[in-house]
């Protein structure tokens, strides 16, 4: 599955291009989503951004 950031970028690009179909690639898999309307795309984009901001971030520290 594509990361949330990748999904957001793909959805934003599709909205800017006026496309309703978004294709995500991740780990050798391909996922295609066709939205019914620009409104649905904007709602999905807002939900993805909200989930990204509420998800705890994992910080990896390099140990020497």
Protein backbone atom coordinates (compact mmCIF):
# COMPACT_ATOMS: atom_id res chain seq x y z
CA UNK A 1 0.00 0.00 0.00
CA UNK A 2 1.24 3.47 -0.82
CA UNK A 3 2.13 5.68 2.08
CA UNK A 4 -0.29 8.38 3.11
CA UNK A 5 2.07 11.05 1.78
CA UNK A 6 2.19 9.29 -1.60
CA UNK A 7 -1.60 9.04 -1.69
CA UNK A 8 -1.96 12.72 -0.84
CA UNK A 9 0.51 13.73 -3.56
CA UNK A 10 -1.20 11.55 -6.18
CA UNK A 11 -4.64 12.86 -5.24
CA UNK A 12 -3.51 16.49 -5.27
CA UNK A 13 -1.94 15.99 -8.71
CA UNK A 14 -5.13 14.38 -10.06
CA UNK A 15 -7.24 17.25 -8.73
CA UNK A 16 -4.93 19.81 -10.36
CA UNK A 17 -5.06 17.93 -13.67
CA UNK A 18 -8.83 17.54 -13.58
CA UNK A 19 -8.59 13.74 -13.53
CA UNK A 20 -10.94 11.56 -11.50
CA UNK A 21 -8.76 8.45 -11.61
CA UNK A 22 -5.77 8.08 -9.28
CA UNK A 23 -3.17 5.32 -9.51
CA UNK A 24 -1.01 4.40 -6.53
CA UNK A 25 2.12 2.24 -6.74
CA UNK A 26 3.78 0.66 -3.75
CA UNK A 27 5.91 -2.41 -3.20
CA UNK A 28 5.28 -3.76 -6.68
CA UNK A 29 1.50 -3.46 -6.42
CA UNK A 30 -0.77 -1.11 -8.32
CA UNK A 31 -4.02 0.31 -7.01
CA UNK A 32 -6.41 2.36 -9.09
CA UNK A 33 -9.24 4.47 -7.69
CA UNK A 34 -11.80 6.36 -9.74
CA UNK A 35 -13.73 9.03 -7.85
CA UNK A 36 -17.28 10.07 -8.72
CA UNK A 37 -16.75 13.78 -8.25
CA UNK A 38 -14.31 16.53 -7.39
CA UNK A 39 -16.17 16.91 -4.09
CA UNK A 40 -15.46 13.27 -3.23
CA UNK A 41 -11.78 13.75 -4.10
CA UNK A 42 -11.51 16.84 -1.90
CA UNK A 43 -13.21 15.03 0.99
CA UNK A 44 -10.82 12.09 0.63
CA UNK A 45 -7.85 14.45 0.48
CA UNK A 46 -8.99 16.22 3.66
CA UNK A 47 -9.45 12.87 5.43
CA UNK A 48 -5.98 11.69 4.39
CA UNK A 49 -4.40 14.92 5.61
CA UNK A 50 -6.30 14.70 8.90
CA UNK A 51 -5.23 11.10 9.46
CA UNK A 52 -1.62 12.03 8.75
CA UNK A 53 -1.65 14.83 11.33
CA UNK A 54 -3.27 12.71 14.05
CA UNK A 55 -1.09 9.63 13.58
CA UNK A 56 1.82 9.40 16.02
CA UNK A 57 5.18 9.89 14.39
CA UNK A 58 7.93 7.38 14.96
CA UNK A 59 11.32 8.96 15.33
CA UNK A 60 14.27 6.72 14.71
CA UNK A 61 17.54 7.72 16.29
CA UNK A 62 20.81 6.50 14.91
CA UNK A 63 22.82 4.66 17.50
CA UNK A 64 26.59 4.85 17.13
